[in-house]
Amino acid sequence: MKNKFLIKEGFDSINLFDKVSLLNERQIAKISLGIEWTFNNYPSAVLIGGTALIHYVENSRDLTPDIDFMIDDISDLKLILEENDVQFGDLKSGNIGLLGINVDEFNVDYLDSNMGNVALNKLVLKTFKIANIGGFQVKIINPELLAIMKTELGRDKDLNDAFALLASGKLNKDYYLRLANSLKNHLSDYESIVSYVEMIKQ
């Protein structure tokens, strides 16, 4: 029986639907459960990362079978997970340390907005959009801020993602600059991020 998550009409992004469809049944089941559980139990979570990128960018890279959410209160989320008997573990980065928590059952990383670039993270939680993903109205990072976040991360794959977003036709130049300017004192390479506005295709 086909997973009810895999209904084309349940996705605003046909590209994301197509990429999800390429995953195996177990991976699809985990993504479906992660989206549904988060929507029902922690609806303030904002979808970021590769899944958000693929939602916005046509002909993008393949989808990795994991989901990333930004969370406003990681302690509150832990309590809800414990109340629902859902196991979780620490999510760590060698450079930064503790980033949040991982739930293997859903293949979801929940990132603590109070770790890393806090100013950028808090803006993610304030400026989200709504996307229909698997039939759920999910909060999702806006594409302009996702491009800024990817550039700020600075890894090769993140820069490639940022450039794909800038060329996608989904970004608004004025809004991109407004967000970048609001983060001016919190970005490691503000000048480059602002200069990239010329790459935005509208």
C-alpha atoms as a PDB file:
ATOM      1  CA  MET A   1       0.000   0.000   0.000  1.00  0.00           C
ATOM      2  CA  LYS A   2       1.342   3.391  -1.008  1.00  0.00           C
ATOM      3  CA  ASN A   3       2.271   5.760   1.829  1.00  0.00           C
ATOM      4  CA  LYS A   4      -0.479   8.404   2.124  1.00  0.00           C
ATOM      5  CA  PHE A   5       2.325  10.948   2.521  1.00  0.00           C
ATOM      6  CA  LEU A   6       3.107  10.398  -1.174  1.00  0.00           C
ATOM      7  CA  ILE A   7       0.185  12.275  -2.703  1.00  0.00           C
ATOM      8  CA  LYS A   8       1.267  14.904  -5.219  1.00  0.00           C
ATOM      9  CA  GLU A   9      -1.572  17.220  -4.203  1.00  0.00           C
ATOM     10  CA  GLY A  10      -0.134  17.240  -0.666  1.00  0.00           C
ATOM     11  CA  PHE A  11       2.951  19.149  -1.800  1.00  0.00           C
ATOM     12  CA  ASP A  12       3.271  22.769  -2.903  1.00  0.00           C
ATOM     13  CA  SER A  13       6.615  21.801  -4.445  1.00  0.00           C
ATOM     14  CA  ILE A  14       6.475  19.147  -7.163  1.00  0.00           C
ATOM     15  CA  ASN A  15      10.266  19.000  -7.003  1.00  0.00           C
ATOM     16  CA  LEU A  16      10.164  18.007  -3.322  1.00  0.00           C
ATOM     17  CA  PHE A  17       7.438  15.452  -4.043  1.00  0.00           C
ATOM     18  CA  ASP A  18       9.528  13.940  -6.828  1.00  0.00           C
ATOM     19  CA  LYS A  19      12.655  13.784  -4.637  1.00  0.00           C
ATOM     20  CA  VAL A  20      10.756  12.189  -1.736  1.00  0.00           C
ATOM     21  CA  SER A  21       9.326   9.621  -4.171  1.00  0.00           C
ATOM     22  CA  LEU A  22      12.854   8.443  -5.002  1.00  0.00           C
ATOM     23  CA  LEU A  23      13.522   7.379  -1.392  1.00  0.00           C
ATOM     24  CA  ASN A  24      12.882   3.836  -0.183  1.00  0.00           C
ATOM     25  CA  GLU A  25       9.757   2.938   1.805  1.00  0.00           C
ATOM     26  CA  ARG A  26      11.498   3.012   5.178  1.00  0.00           C
ATOM     27  CA  GLN A  27      13.001   6.443   4.525  1.00  0.00           C
ATOM     28  CA  ILE A  28       9.659   7.816   3.332  1.00  0.00           C
ATOM     29  CA  ALA A  29       7.932   6.397   6.409  1.00  0.00           C
ATOM     30  CA  LYS A  30      10.434   8.149   8.697  1.00  0.00           C
ATOM     31  CA  ILE A  31      10.093  11.509   6.926  1.00  0.00           C
ATOM     32  CA  SER A  32       6.313  11.179   6.986  1.00  0.00           C
ATOM     33  CA  LEU A  33       6.312  10.372  10.708  1.00  0.00           C
ATOM     34  CA  GLY A  34       8.747  13.207  11.470  1.00  0.00           C
ATOM     35  CA  ILE A  35       6.654  15.810   9.653  1.00  0.00           C
ATOM     36  CA  GLU A  36       3.387  14.566  11.169  1.00  0.00           C
ATOM     37  CA  TRP A  37       4.724  14.248  14.736  1.00  0.00           C
ATOM     38  CA  THR A  38       6.309  17.689  14.672  1.00  0.00           C
ATOM     39  CA  PHE A  39       3.202  19.289  13.171  1.00  0.00           C
ATOM     40  CA  ASN A  40       0.985  17.749  15.851  1.00  0.00           C
ATOM     41  CA  ASN A  41       3.285  18.110  18.868  1.00  0.00           C
ATOM     42  CA  TYR A  42       5.562  21.083  18.228  1.00  0.00           C
ATOM     43  CA  PRO A  43       3.955  23.244  15.507  1.00  0.00           C
ATOM     44  CA  SER A  44       6.215  26.254  16.168  1.00  0.00           C
ATOM     45  CA  ALA A  45       9.175  24.314  14.686  1.00  0.00           C
ATOM     46  CA  VAL A  46      10.508  25.765  11.419  1.00  0.00           C
ATOM     47  CA  LEU A  47      11.799  23.491   8.666  1.00  0.00           C
ATOM     48  CA  ILE A  48      15.324  24.349   7.461  1.00  0.00           C
ATOM     49  CA  GLY A  49      18.174  22.522   5.707  1.00  0.00           C
ATOM     50  CA  GLY A  50      18.140  20.359   2.600  1.00  0.00           C
ATOM     51  CA  THR A  51      14.416  19.635   2.608  1.00  0.00           C
ATOM     52  CA  ALA A  52      13.679  23.364   2.597  1.00  0.00           C
ATOM     53  CA  LEU A  53      16.219  23.895  -0.180  1.00  0.00           C
ATOM     54  CA  ILE A  54      14.625  21.235  -2.371  1.00  0.00           C
ATOM     55  CA  HIS A  55      11.187  22.747  -1.707  1.00  0.00           C
ATOM     56  CA  TYR A  56      12.391  25.987  -3.305  1.00  0.00           C
ATOM     57  CA  VAL A  57      14.908  24.914  -5.965  1.00  0.00           C
ATOM     58  CA  GLU A  58      13.874  22.936  -9.039  1.00  0.00           C
ATOM     59  CA  ASN A  59      16.349  20.370 -10.377  1.00  0.00           C
ATOM     60  CA  SER A  60      18.204  20.580  -7.071  1.00  0.00           C
ATOM     61  CA  ARG A  61      20.472  17.981  -5.528  1.00  0.00           C
ATOM     62  CA  ASP A  62      18.998  14.728  -4.242  1.00  0.00           C
ATOM     63  CA  LEU A  63      17.159  14.662  -0.952  1.00  0.00           C
ATOM     64  CA  THR A  64      18.950  13.174   2.023  1.00  0.00           C
ATOM     65  CA  PRO A  65      16.477  11.161   4.136  1.00  0.00           C
ATOM     66  CA  ASP A  66      16.643  13.401   7.177  1.00  0.00           C
ATOM     67  CA  ILE A  67      14.838  16.553   8.274  1.00  0.00           C
ATOM     68  CA  ASP A  68      16.086  19.611  10.146  1.00  0.00           C
ATOM     69  CA  PHE A  69      13.875  21.838  12.282  1.00  0.00           C
ATOM     70  CA  MET A  70      14.776  25.005  14.182  1.00  0.00           C
ATOM     71  CA  ILE A  71      13.286  25.015  17.698  1.00  0.00           C
ATOM     72  CA  ASP A  72      12.623  27.927  20.050  1.00  0.00           C
ATOM     73  CA  ASP A  73      12.709  25.958  23.326  1.00  0.00           C
ATOM     74  CA  ILE A  74      14.689  22.716  23.266  1.00  0.00           C
ATOM     75  CA  SER A  75      13.904  21.952  26.940  1.00  0.00           C
ATOM     76  CA  ASP A  76      10.185  22.120  26.236  1.00  0.00           C
ATOM     77  CA  LEU A  77      10.588  19.827  23.235  1.00  0.00           C
ATOM     78  CA  LYS A  78      12.522  17.297  25.320  1.00  0.00           C
ATOM     79  CA  LEU A  79       9.681  17.170  27.849  1.00  0.00           C
ATOM     80  CA  ILE A  80       7.131  16.561  25.093  1.00  0.00           C
ATOM     81  CA  LEU A  81       9.281  13.803  23.600  1.00  0.00           C
ATOM     82  CA  GLU A  82       9.671  12.171  27.033  1.00  0.00           C
ATOM     83  CA  GLU A  83       5.912  12.368  27.658  1.00  0.00           C
ATOM     84  CA  ASN A  84       5.375  10.545  24.351  1.00  0.00           C
ATOM     85  CA  ASP A  85       8.078   7.940  25.078  1.00  0.00           C
ATOM     86  CA  VAL A  86      10.133   9.092  22.093  1.00  0.00           C
ATOM     87  CA  GLN A  87      13.871   8.474  22.444  1.00  0.00           C
ATOM     88  CA  PHE A  88      16.336  11.220  21.534  1.00  0.00           C
ATOM     89  CA  GLY A  89      20.052  11.914  21.747  1.00  0.00           C
ATOM     90  CA  ASP A  90      22.379  14.883  21.693  1.00  0.00           C
ATOM     91  CA  LEU A  91      23.220  16.442  18.346  1.00  0.00           C
ATOM     92  CA  LYS A  92      26.816  17.651  18.353  1.00  0.00           C
ATOM     93  CA  SER A  93      29.253  19.367  16.012  1.00  0.00           C
ATOM     94  CA  GLY A  94      33.000  19.104  16.467  1.00  0.00           C
ATOM     95  CA  ASN A  95      33.460  22.834  15.935  1.00  0.00           C
ATOM     96  CA  ILE A  96      30.467  24.183  17.836  1.00  0.00           C
ATOM     97  CA  GLY A  97      29.553  21.551  20.399  1.00  0.00           C
ATOM     98  CA  LEU A  98      25.957  20.795  21.302  1.00  0.00           C
ATOM     99  CA  LEU A  99      23.536  21.905  18.567  1.00  0.00           C
ATOM    100  CA  GLY A 100      20.284  20.303  19.677  1.00  0.00           C
ATOM    101  CA  ILE A 101      18.837  16.806  19.655  1.00  0.00           C
ATOM    102  CA  ASN A 102      18.317  13.978  17.193  1.00  0.00           C
ATOM    103  CA  VAL A 103      15.306  11.657  17.053  1.00  0.00           C
ATOM    104  CA  ASP A 104      16.336   8.534  15.165  1.00  0.00           C
ATOM    105  CA  GLU A 105      12.763   7.228  15.003  1.00  0.00           C
ATOM    106  CA  PHE A 106      11.862  10.191  12.760  1.00  0.00           C
ATOM    107  CA  ASN A 107      15.350  10.795  11.345  1.00  0.00           C
ATOM    108  CA  VAL A 108      14.898  14.398  12.503  1.00  0.00           C
ATOM    109  CA  ASP A 109      17.416  16.860  13.915  1.00  0.00           C
ATOM    110  CA  TYR A 110      15.907  19.547  16.138  1.00  0.00           C
ATOM    111  CA  LEU A 111      18.307  22.481  16.295  1.00  0.00           C
ATOM    112  CA  ASP A 112      18.372  24.694  19.368  1.00  0.00           C
ATOM    113  CA  SER A 113      17.913  28.328  18.292  1.00  0.00           C
ATOM    114  CA  ASN A 114      20.002  29.413  21.299  1.00  0.00           C
ATOM    115  CA  MET A 115      23.126  27.727  19.902  1.00  0.00           C
ATOM    116  CA  GLY A 116      25.324  28.888  17.031  1.00  0.00           C
ATOM    117  CA  ASN A 117      24.278  32.117  15.298  1.00  0.00           C
ATOM    118  CA  VAL A 118      21.490  33.016  17.710  1.00  0.00           C
ATOM    119  CA  ALA A 119      20.449  36.233  15.943  1.00  0.00           C
ATOM    120  CA  LEU A 120      20.031  34.409  12.638  1.00  0.00           C
ATOM    121  CA  ASN A 121      18.243  31.496  14.296  1.00  0.00           C
ATOM    122  CA  LYS A 122      15.750  33.781  16.029  1.00  0.00           C
ATOM    123  CA  LEU A 123      15.051  35.485  12.692  1.00  0.00           C
ATOM    124  CA  VAL A 124      14.313  32.062  11.189  1.00  0.00           C
ATOM    125  CA  LEU A 125      11.606  31.592  13.820  1.00  0.00           C
ATOM    126  CA  LYS A 126      10.080  35.020  13.142  1.00  0.00           C
ATOM    127  CA  THR A 127      10.075  35.192   9.345  1.00  0.00           C
ATOM    128  CA  PHE A 128       8.880  31.731   8.288  1.00  0.00           C
ATOM    129  CA  LYS A 129       6.554  30.898   5.420  1.00  0.00           C
ATOM    130  CA  ILE A 130       3.955  28.105   5.266  1.00  0.00           C
ATOM    131  CA  ALA A 131       4.367  25.158   2.905  1.00  0.00           C
ATOM    132  CA  ASN A 132       2.128  22.175   2.216  1.00  0.00           C
ATOM    133  CA  ILE A 133       4.377  19.145   2.704  1.00  0.00           C
ATOM    134  CA  GLY A 134       2.802  15.703   2.706  1.00  0.00           C
ATOM    135  CA  GLY A 135      -0.581  17.278   3.421  1.00  0.00           C
ATOM    136  CA  PHE A 136       0.662  19.217   6.469  1.00  0.00           C
ATOM    137  CA  GLN A 137       0.917  23.002   6.661  1.00  0.00           C
ATOM    138  CA  VAL A 138       4.526  23.225   7.789  1.00  0.00           C
ATOM    139  CA  LYS A 139       6.422  26.343   8.858  1.00  0.00           C
ATOM    140  CA  ILE A 140       9.461  26.706   6.612  1.00  0.00           C
ATOM    141  CA  ILE A 141      12.397  29.109   6.498  1.00  0.00           C
ATOM    142  CA  ASN A 142      11.941  31.797   3.835  1.00  0.00           C
ATOM    143  CA  PRO A 143      14.247  31.336   0.811  1.00  0.00           C
ATOM    144  CA  GLU A 144      16.090  34.621   1.309  1.00  0.00           C
ATOM    145  CA  LEU A 145      17.131  33.723   4.849  1.00  0.00           C
ATOM    146  CA  LEU A 146      17.952  30.162   3.812  1.00  0.00           C
ATOM    147  CA  ALA A 147      20.413  31.557   1.249  1.00  0.00           C
ATOM    148  CA  ILE A 148      21.983  33.763   3.926  1.00  0.00           C
ATOM    149  CA  MET A 149      22.186  30.849   6.369  1.00  0.00           C
ATOM    150  CA  LYS A 150      23.794  28.588   3.778  1.00  0.00           C
ATOM    151  CA  THR A 151      26.350  31.268   2.878  1.00  0.00           C
ATOM    152  CA  GLU A 152      27.124  31.877   6.545  1.00  0.00           C
ATOM    153  CA  LEU A 153      27.766  28.146   7.105  1.00  0.00           C
ATOM    154  CA  GLY A 154      30.408  28.418   4.405  1.00  0.00           C
ATOM    155  CA  ARG A 155      30.987  24.746   3.600  1.00  0.00           C
ATOM    156  CA  ASP A 156      31.301  23.921  -0.103  1.00  0.00           C
ATOM    157  CA  LYS A 157      27.967  22.106  -0.220  1.00  0.00           C
ATOM    158  CA  ASP A 158      26.229  24.950   1.623  1.00  0.00           C
ATOM    159  CA  LEU A 159      27.698  27.564  -0.731  1.00  0.00           C
ATOM    160  CA  ASN A 160      26.489  25.495  -3.688  1.00  0.00           C
ATOM    161  CA  ASP A 161      23.041  25.404  -2.110  1.00  0.00           C
ATOM    162  CA  ALA A 162      23.133  29.166  -1.530  1.00  0.00           C
ATOM    163  CA  PHE A 163      24.081  29.865  -5.147  1.00  0.00           C
ATOM    164  CA  ALA A 164      21.309  27.544  -6.371  1.00  0.00           C
ATOM    165  CA  LEU A 165      18.824  29.491  -4.265  1.00  0.00           C
ATOM    166  CA  LEU A 166      20.106  32.833  -5.530  1.00  0.00           C
ATOM    167  CA  ALA A 167      19.633  31.648  -9.117  1.00  0.00           C
ATOM    168  CA  SER A 168      16.263  29.986  -8.488  1.00  0.00           C
ATOM    169  CA  GLY A 169      14.027  32.964  -9.205  1.00  0.00           C
ATOM    170  CA  LYS A 170      12.357  32.479  -5.805  1.00  0.00           C
ATOM    171  CA  LEU A 171      14.162  35.292  -3.929  1.00  0.00           C
ATOM    172  CA  ASN A 172      13.248  38.950  -3.560  1.00  0.00           C
ATOM    173  CA  LYS A 173      16.295  41.239  -3.729  1.00  0.00           C
ATOM    174  CA  ASP A 174      14.910  43.917  -1.416  1.00  0.00           C
ATOM    175  CA  TYR A 175      13.853  41.398   1.227  1.00  0.00           C
ATOM    176  CA  TYR A 176      17.210  39.588   0.979  1.00  0.00           C
ATOM    177  CA  LEU A 177      19.061  42.854   1.610  1.00  0.00           C
ATOM    178  CA  ARG A 178      16.714  43.808   4.441  1.00  0.00           C
ATOM    179  CA  LEU A 179      17.347  40.507   6.212  1.00  0.00           C
ATOM    180  CA  ALA A 180      21.103  40.721   5.628  1.00  0.00           C
ATOM    181  CA  ASN A 181      21.224  44.275   6.958  1.00  0.00           C
ATOM    182  CA  SER A 182      19.287  43.294  10.073  1.00  0.00           C
ATOM    183  CA  LEU A 183      21.987  40.672  10.728  1.00  0.00           C
ATOM    184  CA  LYS A 184      24.940  42.888   9.792  1.00  0.00           C
ATOM    185  CA  ASN A 185      26.668  42.579  13.172  1.00  0.00           C
ATOM    186  CA  HIS A 186      26.054  38.833  13.370  1.00  0.00           C
ATOM    187  CA  LEU A 187      27.406  37.598  10.022  1.00  0.00           C
ATOM    188  CA  SER A 188      31.014  36.516   9.552  1.00  0.00           C
ATOM    189  CA  ASP A 189      31.135  37.683   5.926  1.00  0.00           C
ATOM    190  CA  TYR A 190      28.456  40.347   5.656  1.00  0.00           C
ATOM    191  CA  GLU A 191      30.132  42.032   2.644  1.00  0.00           C
ATOM    192  CA  SER A 192      30.049  38.854   0.536  1.00  0.00           C
ATOM    193  CA  ILE A 193      26.481  38.063   1.523  1.00  0.00           C
ATOM    194  CA  VAL A 194      25.344  41.538   0.473  1.00  0.00           C
ATOM    195  CA  SER A 195      27.311  41.364  -2.784  1.00  0.00           C
ATOM    196  CA  TYR A 196      25.548  38.109  -3.704  1.00  0.00           C
ATOM    197  CA  VAL A 197      22.316  40.083  -4.169  1.00  0.00           C
ATOM    198  CA  GLU A 198      23.465  40.662  -7.748  1.00  0.00           C
ATOM    199  CA  MET A 199      23.124  36.904  -8.363  1.00  0.00           C
ATOM    200  CA  ILE A 200      19.422  36.933  -7.533  1.00  0.00           C
ATOM    201  CA  LYS A 201      17.334  36.262 -10.622  1.00  0.00           C
ATOM    202  CA  GLN A 202      13.828  37.642 -10.591  1.00  0.00           C
END
